[in-house]
Amino acid sequence: MSFFFGSSMAGQNVTERTAMQNTAVYACVRVLAEGLAELPLHIYQYTSDGGKKRAINHPLYFLLHDAPNPEMTSFIFRETMMNHLLLWGNAYAQIIRNGQGKITGLYPLMPDRMDVNRAANGEIYYTYTRNYDDYQAKNKSKQVILLSDEVLHIAGLGFDGLIGYSPIAMAKNAIGLSMAAEQYGATFFKNDATPGGVLEHPNVVKDPERLRKSWQSQFSGSNNHSIAVLEEGMTFHQLSIPPDQAQFLDTRKFQLDEIARIFRVPPHMVGDLDRSTFSNIEQQSLEFVKYTLNPWCIRWEQAMNQQLLSADDQRKFFVKFNVDGLLRGDYESRMNGYAIGRQNGWLSANDIRELEDLNRIPTNEGGDEYLVNGNMLPLNQAGNFYSSQPSKESEEPKE
């Protein structure tokens, strides 16, 4: 993948690390990494009635839900892995097992040090370059071979379905243009927004180099607000086009939208509120969950199910993110939805309270009862109540 990197057409050196210095890239990566890391992550077990329940006693439950290793919380682990996935297109974690083969820890690995290969027998193996410079041992490194059951590999969009390619590499020209515009703006204001120009002399200048240095020493740097005194009939002509005429600000704004498009992040989530209104911003947030965050969740879930659960466990358990909290909408919409579900008999009081993170009502107090609206009956039962009642004639006493 290294051949994709390097200088962009705008002349900027675009890599995963330099791209993160761009505010739009940093904002998009942060929104997605934090968005996935904050979601509740559970292991569920299939029940005999076709439902599911949390498998809190499964050995992986604590690792995924709370802490995958003694150094990281689940949030930090997933945020780091998602950061790797968004920048490099791949996320790797070493799987630590005990003598019984049970997973006891997960540790992130740097994607730029990993090489994925296929052996002669078709098995996939990973070659990781461990830099001992991380442990203050200069100029030393070691390559470690890891088998497929020793690595959790979450791959992004790729050519072969095995290794994902970096979004930063694929979009280096768009990101490079944004970086070039930012650099131009920084240089422009570093010179106090003073454009270049030409000094015109009515006669022949004997020593133009001396005149240039004299001008720069007096009217550049910290002296750029000094009043220029032109002698011998000299005139100053501005050459540079002002940034507003060169549509500098429009270029920077367009590149913000361009980078947000790469990561499929709504512009309002990275600070661009120009086209956002009170009425559509909630809908954009829901679309972000459904069309941006949810595909990443599925990619994570299927990778963890395949690589962390044994073949037997995959028939009994599964890993699942809970995005319901992000899809609930505003308070009024939730209450109206709950009312419809309650009245039509497919939500109990405890179902609703769990969705709202409230304590359950005891079962003996009716918390798990499902109610149905009394005036809603099957068509074939319409009128049965009246036909079952005794007629008035039969109720009259006989003389």
Protein backbone atom coordinates (compact mmCIF):
# COMPACT_ATOMS: atom_id res chain seq x y z
CA MET A 1 0.00 0.00 0.00
CA SER A 2 3.00 2.28 0.35
CA PHE A 3 2.98 3.18 -3.34
CA PHE A 4 -0.25 5.11 -2.80
CA PHE A 5 1.40 7.46 -0.34
CA GLY A 6 3.77 10.34 -0.92
CA SER A 7 3.32 13.78 -2.38
CA SER A 8 -0.15 14.73 -3.53
CA MET A 9 -0.81 16.77 -6.65
CA ALA A 10 -0.89 19.84 -4.40
CA GLY A 11 2.69 19.11 -3.33
CA GLN A 12 1.86 17.97 0.22
CA ASN A 13 3.30 14.81 1.76
CA VAL A 14 0.18 12.90 2.81
CA THR A 15 0.50 10.00 5.24
CA GLU A 16 -1.73 8.71 8.02
CA ARG A 17 0.08 10.80 10.58
CA THR A 18 0.38 14.03 8.57
CA ALA A 19 -3.28 13.75 7.56
CA MET A 20 -4.30 13.82 11.23
CA GLN A 21 -2.84 17.33 11.44
CA ASN A 22 -5.67 18.43 9.17
CA THR A 23 -8.63 19.50 11.29
CA ALA A 24 -11.26 17.95 9.00
CA VAL A 25 -9.55 14.54 8.98
CA TYR A 26 -8.98 14.66 12.73
CA ALA A 27 -12.63 15.59 13.36
CA CYS A 28 -14.01 12.81 11.12
CA VAL A 29 -11.75 10.15 12.63
CA ARG A 30 -12.57 11.29 16.14
CA VAL A 31 -16.34 11.30 15.52
CA LEU A 32 -16.31 7.75 14.15
CA ALA A 33 -13.80 6.33 16.65
CA GLU A 34 -15.59 7.78 19.66
CA GLY A 35 -19.00 6.94 18.20
CA LEU A 36 -18.19 3.24 17.93
CA ALA A 37 -16.28 3.11 21.23
CA GLU A 38 -19.20 4.53 23.22
CA LEU A 39 -21.68 1.88 22.06
CA PRO A 40 -22.52 -0.88 24.54
CA LEU A 41 -20.88 -4.14 23.43
CA HIS A 42 -22.28 -7.44 24.71
CA ILE A 43 -22.09 -11.15 24.06
CA TYR A 44 -25.52 -12.75 23.69
CA GLN A 45 -26.64 -16.36 23.87
CA TYR A 46 -29.41 -17.83 21.75
CA THR A 47 -32.35 -19.10 23.82
CA SER A 48 -34.53 -22.12 23.09
CA ASP A 49 -37.55 -19.93 22.27
CA GLY A 50 -35.70 -18.10 19.48
CA GLY A 51 -34.73 -15.10 21.59
CA LYS A 52 -31.47 -13.99 23.13
CA LYS A 53 -30.03 -13.11 26.50
CA ARG A 54 -26.75 -11.61 27.69
CA ALA A 55 -24.07 -14.22 28.28
CA ILE A 56 -22.43 -12.43 31.20
CA ASN A 57 -20.66 -15.63 32.29
CA HIS A 58 -18.90 -16.11 28.97
CA PRO A 59 -15.09 -15.60 29.29
CA LEU A 60 -15.11 -12.98 26.52
CA TYR A 61 -17.86 -10.86 28.06
CA PHE A 62 -15.61 -9.02 30.49
CA LEU A 63 -12.84 -8.56 27.91
CA LEU A 64 -15.10 -6.94 25.34
CA HIS A 65 -17.46 -5.10 27.65
CA ASP A 66 -15.05 -3.85 30.32
CA ALA A 67 -11.31 -4.29 29.76
CA PRO A 68 -9.57 -6.32 27.01
CA ASN A 69 -6.25 -6.08 28.87
CA PRO A 70 -4.97 -4.65 32.18
CA GLU A 71 -3.75 -1.47 30.44
CA MET A 72 -6.89 -0.40 28.58
CA THR A 73 -10.58 0.01 29.07
CA SER A 74 -12.96 -1.28 26.45
CA PHE A 75 -13.57 2.30 25.25
CA ILE A 76 -9.87 3.05 24.75
CA PHE A 77 -9.27 -0.29 23.03
CA ARG A 78 -12.09 0.15 20.54
CA GLU A 79 -11.29 3.82 19.97
CA THR A 80 -7.66 2.93 19.18
CA MET A 81 -8.61 0.06 16.89
CA MET A 82 -11.17 2.19 15.06
CA ASN A 83 -8.59 4.93 14.65
CA HIS A 84 -6.27 2.41 12.97
CA LEU A 85 -9.09 1.14 10.79
CA LEU A 86 -10.01 4.62 9.55
CA LEU A 87 -6.44 5.71 8.81
CA TRP A 88 -4.74 2.52 7.62
CA GLY A 89 -7.79 0.54 6.49
CA ASN A 90 -6.91 -2.33 8.86
CA ALA A 91 -6.98 -2.90 12.61
CA TYR A 92 -5.01 -5.66 14.32
CA ALA A 93 -4.98 -6.96 17.88
CA GLN A 94 -2.90 -9.78 19.29
CA ILE A 95 -4.97 -12.51 20.95
CA ILE A 96 -3.47 -13.81 24.19
CA ARG A 97 -4.59 -17.29 25.29
CA ASN A 98 -3.93 -19.37 28.37
CA GLY A 99 -2.87 -23.00 28.49
CA GLN A 100 -6.46 -24.13 27.91
CA GLY A 101 -6.79 -22.04 24.76
CA LYS A 102 -9.17 -19.51 26.33
CA ILE A 103 -8.70 -15.86 25.40
CA THR A 104 -7.34 -13.81 28.30
CA GLY A 105 -6.33 -10.58 26.59
CA LEU A 106 -6.40 -8.43 23.45
CA TYR A 107 -3.62 -5.95 22.63
CA PRO A 108 -3.69 -3.52 19.65
CA LEU A 109 -0.90 -3.79 17.07
CA MET A 110 0.29 -0.99 14.79
CA PRO A 111 -0.97 -1.56 11.22
CA ASP A 112 2.10 -0.03 9.56
CA ARG A 113 4.27 -2.74 11.13
CA MET A 114 2.09 -5.65 10.02
CA ASP A 115 2.49 -7.72 6.88
CA VAL A 116 -0.19 -10.24 5.88
CA ASN A 117 0.84 -13.29 3.83
CA ARG A 118 -0.51 -16.64 2.76
CA ALA A 119 1.56 -19.81 3.30
CA ALA A 120 2.00 -22.57 0.75
CA ASN A 121 -0.77 -24.59 2.41
CA GLY A 122 -3.20 -21.67 2.07
CA GLU A 123 -3.11 -20.61 5.71
CA ILE A 124 -2.87 -16.90 6.47
CA TYR A 125 -0.11 -15.70 8.76
CA TYR A 126 0.95 -12.29 10.02
CA THR A 127 4.48 -10.89 10.25
CA TYR A 128 4.76 -8.13 12.83
CA THR A 129 7.86 -5.98 13.20
CA ARG A 130 8.35 -5.25 16.86
CA ASN A 131 10.44 -2.13 17.37
CA TYR A 132 12.51 -2.37 20.51
CA ASP A 133 12.99 1.39 20.24
CA ASP A 134 9.67 1.53 22.07
CA TYR A 135 11.53 0.12 25.05
CA GLN A 136 14.51 2.53 24.74
CA ALA A 137 16.67 -0.02 22.92
CA LYS A 138 17.88 1.95 19.91
CA ASN A 139 18.14 0.53 16.39
CA LYS A 140 16.81 -2.89 17.27
CA SER A 141 13.81 -4.66 15.86
CA LYS A 142 12.46 -8.17 15.65
CA GLN A 143 9.94 -9.81 13.36
CA VAL A 144 7.34 -11.99 15.04
CA ILE A 145 5.25 -14.54 13.14
CA LEU A 146 1.63 -14.75 14.31
CA LEU A 147 -0.87 -17.35 13.14
CA SER A 148 -4.40 -16.48 12.15
CA ASP A 149 -5.84 -17.62 15.51
CA GLU A 150 -3.45 -15.25 17.28
CA VAL A 151 -4.64 -12.06 15.58
CA LEU A 152 -7.96 -10.24 15.56
CA HIS A 153 -7.96 -8.60 12.12
CA ILE A 154 -10.70 -6.14 11.18
CA ALA A 155 -10.28 -5.20 7.52
CA GLY A 156 -11.83 -2.20 5.81
CA LEU A 157 -12.84 -1.85 2.18
CA GLY A 158 -10.22 -3.54 0.01
CA PHE A 159 -9.44 -5.10 -3.32
CA ASP A 160 -9.17 -8.76 -2.28
CA GLY A 161 -11.42 -8.98 0.79
CA LEU A 162 -8.41 -9.79 2.94
CA ILE A 163 -6.56 -6.49 3.42
CA GLY A 164 -8.26 -3.11 3.45
CA TYR A 165 -6.77 -0.10 1.77
CA SER A 166 -6.23 3.19 3.53
CA PRO A 167 -8.86 5.91 2.96
CA ILE A 168 -6.06 8.43 3.47
CA ALA A 169 -4.03 6.89 0.64
CA MET A 170 -7.02 6.69 -1.69
CA ALA A 171 -7.98 10.33 -1.08
CA LYS A 172 -4.51 11.82 -0.72
CA ASN A 173 -5.10 14.47 -3.40
CA ALA A 174 -8.25 15.81 -1.72
CA ILE A 175 -6.56 15.81 1.67
CA GLY A 176 -3.37 17.28 0.17
CA LEU A 177 -5.33 20.16 -1.34
CA SER A 178 -6.87 20.92 2.05
CA MET A 179 -3.43 20.82 3.67
CA ALA A 180 -2.01 23.09 0.95
CA ALA A 181 -4.82 25.61 1.45
CA GLU A 182 -4.21 25.57 5.19
CA GLN A 183 -0.48 26.05 4.67
CA TYR A 184 -1.11 28.92 2.28
CA GLY A 185 -3.37 30.62 4.82
CA ALA A 186 -0.79 30.17 7.56
CA THR A 187 1.95 31.64 5.37
CA PHE A 188 -0.31 34.49 4.30
CA PHE A 189 -1.07 35.53 7.86
CA LYS A 190 2.51 34.89 8.95
CA ASN A 191 3.42 37.73 6.62
CA ASP A 192 0.61 39.75 8.21
CA ALA A 193 -1.56 39.29 5.14
CA THR A 194 0.71 41.68 3.25
CA PRO A 195 0.82 40.71 -0.44
CA GLY A 196 3.88 40.95 -2.60
CA GLY A 197 4.34 43.58 -5.22
CA VAL A 198 6.71 45.48 -7.50
CA LEU A 199 8.66 48.64 -6.81
CA GLU A 200 8.73 50.76 -9.95
CA HIS A 201 11.50 53.35 -10.42
CA PRO A 202 11.23 56.03 -13.12
CA ASN A 203 14.92 55.64 -13.97
CA VAL A 204 17.48 52.85 -14.06
CA VAL A 205 18.25 51.30 -10.66
CA LYS A 206 21.96 50.83 -10.26
CA ASP A 207 21.79 48.27 -7.43
CA PRO A 208 18.36 46.51 -7.40
CA GLU A 209 19.51 43.82 -4.93
CA ARG A 210 20.44 46.41 -2.34
CA LEU A 211 17.09 48.17 -2.84
CA ARG A 212 15.22 44.86 -2.40
CA LYS A 213 17.02 44.00 0.82
CA SER A 214 16.52 47.51 2.15
CA TRP A 215 12.78 47.30 1.45
CA GLN A 216 12.42 43.85 3.05
CA SER A 217 14.36 44.86 6.15
CA GLN A 218 12.08 47.84 6.71
CA PHE A 219 8.67 46.50 5.71
CA SER A 220 8.64 42.73 6.41
CA GLY A 221 8.45 40.62 9.56
CA SER A 222 7.84 42.66 12.70
CA ASN A 223 8.12 45.90 10.67
CA ASN A 224 5.28 45.10 8.29
CA HIS A 225 3.06 47.86 9.72
CA SER A 226 5.71 50.54 9.16
CA ILE A 227 4.87 53.44 6.90
CA ALA A 228 6.67 53.20 3.56
CA VAL A 229 8.40 56.31 2.27
CA LEU A 230 9.04 56.09 -1.47
CA GLU A 231 11.84 58.22 -2.84
CA GLU A 232 12.92 59.35 -6.31
CA GLY A 233 9.45 58.92 -7.78
CA MET A 234 9.17 55.19 -7.01
CA THR A 235 5.72 53.60 -6.93
CA PHE A 236 4.53 50.30 -5.41
CA HIS A 237 2.26 47.99 -7.44
CA GLN A 238 0.50 45.05 -5.78
CA LEU A 239 0.78 41.78 -7.68
CA SER A 240 -0.77 39.04 -5.54
CA ILE A 241 -4.47 38.33 -5.80
CA PRO A 242 -6.22 38.85 -2.44
CA PRO A 243 -7.43 35.59 -0.91
CA ASP A 244 -11.10 36.57 -1.17
CA GLN A 245 -10.68 37.10 -4.92
CA ALA A 246 -8.89 33.77 -5.25
CA GLN A 247 -11.85 32.15 -3.42
CA PHE A 248 -9.48 30.98 -0.72
CA LEU A 249 -12.17 30.60 1.93
CA ASP A 250 -14.51 28.79 -0.47
CA THR A 251 -11.74 26.35 -1.32
CA ARG A 252 -11.13 25.54 2.33
CA LYS A 253 -14.84 25.11 2.95
CA PHE A 254 -15.28 22.81 -0.05
CA GLN A 255 -12.39 20.63 1.11
CA LEU A 256 -14.06 20.27 4.49
CA ASP A 257 -17.12 18.83 2.76
CA GLU A 258 -14.89 16.71 0.52
CA ILE A 259 -13.13 15.08 3.48
CA ALA A 260 -16.43 14.60 5.33
CA ARG A 261 -17.68 12.83 2.19
CA ILE A 262 -14.71 10.45 2.27
CA PHE A 263 -15.63 9.25 5.76
CA ARG A 264 -19.40 9.63 5.18
CA VAL A 265 -19.74 11.97 8.15
CA PRO A 266 -22.50 14.64 8.10
CA PRO A 267 -20.89 18.10 7.86
CA HIS A 268 -22.69 19.35 10.96
CA MET A 269 -20.81 16.74 13.05
CA VAL A 270 -17.47 18.31 12.10
CA GLY A 271 -18.57 21.89 12.71
CA ASP A 272 -20.13 22.90 9.37
CA LEU A 273 -23.63 24.13 10.19
CA ASP A 274 -24.32 26.15 7.03
CA ARG A 275 -26.95 23.79 5.64
CA SER A 276 -28.17 22.43 8.96
CA THR A 277 -31.45 23.49 10.51
CA PHE A 278 -33.30 22.58 13.68
CA SER A 279 -35.70 20.44 11.66
CA ASN A 280 -33.17 18.38 9.69
CA ILE A 281 -30.22 18.01 12.05
CA GLU A 282 -31.91 15.19 13.99
CA GLN A 283 -32.65 13.33 10.77
CA GLN A 284 -29.02 13.72 9.69
CA SER A 285 -27.90 12.29 13.02
CA LEU A 286 -30.15 9.26 12.60
CA GLU A 287 -28.85 8.74 9.06
CA PHE A 288 -25.30 8.90 10.44
CA VAL A 289 -26.10 5.97 12.73
CA LYS A 290 -27.87 3.91 10.07
CA TYR A 291 -25.67 4.54 7.05
CA THR A 292 -22.27 5.37 8.54
CA LEU A 293 -21.85 3.88 11.99
CA ASN A 294 -23.94 0.73 11.55
CA PRO A 295 -21.86 -0.72 8.65
CA TRP A 296 -18.74 -0.32 10.80
CA CYS A 297 -20.51 -2.09 13.67
CA ILE A 298 -21.41 -5.02 11.41
CA ARG A 299 -17.81 -5.22 10.18
CA TRP A 300 -16.60 -5.38 13.81
CA GLU A 301 -19.28 -7.85 14.93
CA GLN A 302 -18.67 -10.36 12.17
CA ALA A 303 -14.88 -10.19 12.59
CA MET A 304 -15.16 -10.81 16.34
CA ASN A 305 -17.70 -13.60 15.90
CA GLN A 306 -15.48 -15.34 13.36
CA GLN A 307 -12.10 -14.87 15.04
CA LEU A 308 -12.83 -14.80 18.78
CA LEU A 309 -15.54 -17.46 19.09
CA SER A 310 -14.89 -21.12 18.44
CA ALA A 311 -16.93 -23.01 15.85
CA ASP A 312 -19.10 -24.51 18.59
CA ASP A 313 -19.57 -21.17 20.32
CA GLN A 314 -20.64 -19.50 17.07
CA ARG A 315 -23.74 -21.69 17.07
CA LYS A 316 -24.64 -20.61 20.60
CA PHE A 317 -23.27 -17.08 21.08
CA PHE A 318 -22.79 -13.87 19.11
CA VAL A 319 -21.25 -10.42 19.67
CA LYS A 320 -23.50 -7.42 19.16
CA PHE A 321 -23.30 -3.63 19.47
CA ASN A 322 -26.36 -1.88 20.83
CA VAL A 323 -27.19 1.18 18.71
CA ASP A 324 -30.78 1.51 19.96
CA GLY A 325 -29.84 4.38 22.26
CA LEU A 326 -28.65 6.45 19.30
CA LEU A 327 -31.80 5.75 17.29
CA ARG A 328 -34.32 6.65 19.95
CA GLY A 329 -34.98 10.18 18.74
CA ASP A 330 -36.23 13.00 20.93
CA TYR A 331 -38.30 12.48 24.08
CA GLU A 332 -41.68 13.21 22.52
CA SER A 333 -41.08 10.84 19.60
CA ARG A 334 -39.98 8.06 21.95
CA MET A 335 -43.03 8.45 24.16
CA ASN A 336 -45.39 8.36 21.18
CA GLY A 337 -43.68 5.22 19.88
CA TYR A 338 -43.84 3.53 23.27
CA ALA A 339 -47.54 4.38 23.57
CA ILE A 340 -48.27 2.74 20.22
CA GLY A 341 -46.29 -0.37 21.16
CA ARG A 342 -47.96 -0.58 24.56
CA GLN A 343 -51.48 -0.16 23.22
CA ASN A 344 -50.97 -2.73 20.49
CA GLY A 345 -49.58 -5.37 22.82
CA TRP A 346 -46.00 -5.79 21.62
CA LEU A 347 -44.30 -3.78 24.40
CA SER A 348 -44.62 -4.39 28.12
CA ALA A 349 -43.91 -1.83 30.82
CA ASN A 350 -40.54 -3.45 31.52
CA ASP A 351 -39.64 -3.48 27.82
CA ILE A 352 -40.12 0.28 27.76
CA ARG A 353 -38.32 0.86 31.05
CA GLU A 354 -35.29 -1.10 29.87
CA LEU A 355 -35.10 1.03 26.73
CA GLU A 356 -35.14 4.13 28.94
CA ASP A 357 -32.56 2.69 31.39
CA LEU A 358 -35.09 2.56 34.22
CA ASN A 359 -35.45 -0.13 36.87
CA ARG A 360 -37.83 -2.98 36.14
CA ILE A 361 -41.26 -3.30 37.70
CA PRO A 362 -41.59 -6.64 39.58
CA THR A 363 -43.32 -9.32 37.57
CA ASN A 364 -45.93 -9.90 40.27
CA GLU A 365 -46.91 -6.23 39.90
CA GLY A 366 -47.63 -6.55 36.19
CA GLY A 367 -44.33 -5.28 34.80
CA ASP A 368 -44.11 -8.04 32.16
CA GLU A 369 -47.77 -8.09 31.13
CA TYR A 370 -48.72 -7.28 27.55
CA LEU A 371 -51.94 -5.34 27.09
CA VAL A 372 -54.21 -5.05 24.08
CA ASN A 373 -56.69 -2.34 23.22
CA GLY A 374 -60.21 -3.61 23.98
CA ASN A 375 -61.81 -2.25 20.82
CA MET A 376 -59.39 -4.13 18.54
CA LEU A 377 -60.73 -7.61 17.69
CA PRO A 378 -60.11 -10.09 14.87
CA LEU A 379 -62.61 -9.70 12.05
CA ASN A 380 -64.01 -13.19 12.44
CA GLN A 381 -64.88 -12.43 16.07
CA ALA A 382 -66.75 -9.22 15.39
CA GLY A 383 -70.26 -9.37 16.90
CA ASN A 384 -69.58 -12.53 18.94
CA PHE A 385 -70.10 -10.63 22.18
CA TYR A 386 -73.58 -9.51 21.22
CA SER A 387 -74.65 -12.86 19.81
CA SER A 388 -73.59 -14.56 23.02
CA GLN A 389 -75.85 -12.33 25.16
CA PRO A 390 -79.39 -13.61 26.01
CA SER A 391 -82.21 -11.89 24.13
CA LYS A 392 -84.57 -9.55 25.88
CA GLU A 393 -87.53 -11.87 25.15
CA SER A 394 -85.82 -14.76 26.87
CA GLU A 395 -85.09 -12.58 29.87
CA GLU A 396 -88.78 -11.62 30.37
CA PRO A 397 -90.54 -13.79 33.01
CA LYS A 398 -93.25 -16.06 31.74
CA GLU A 399 -96.73 -15.68 33.21
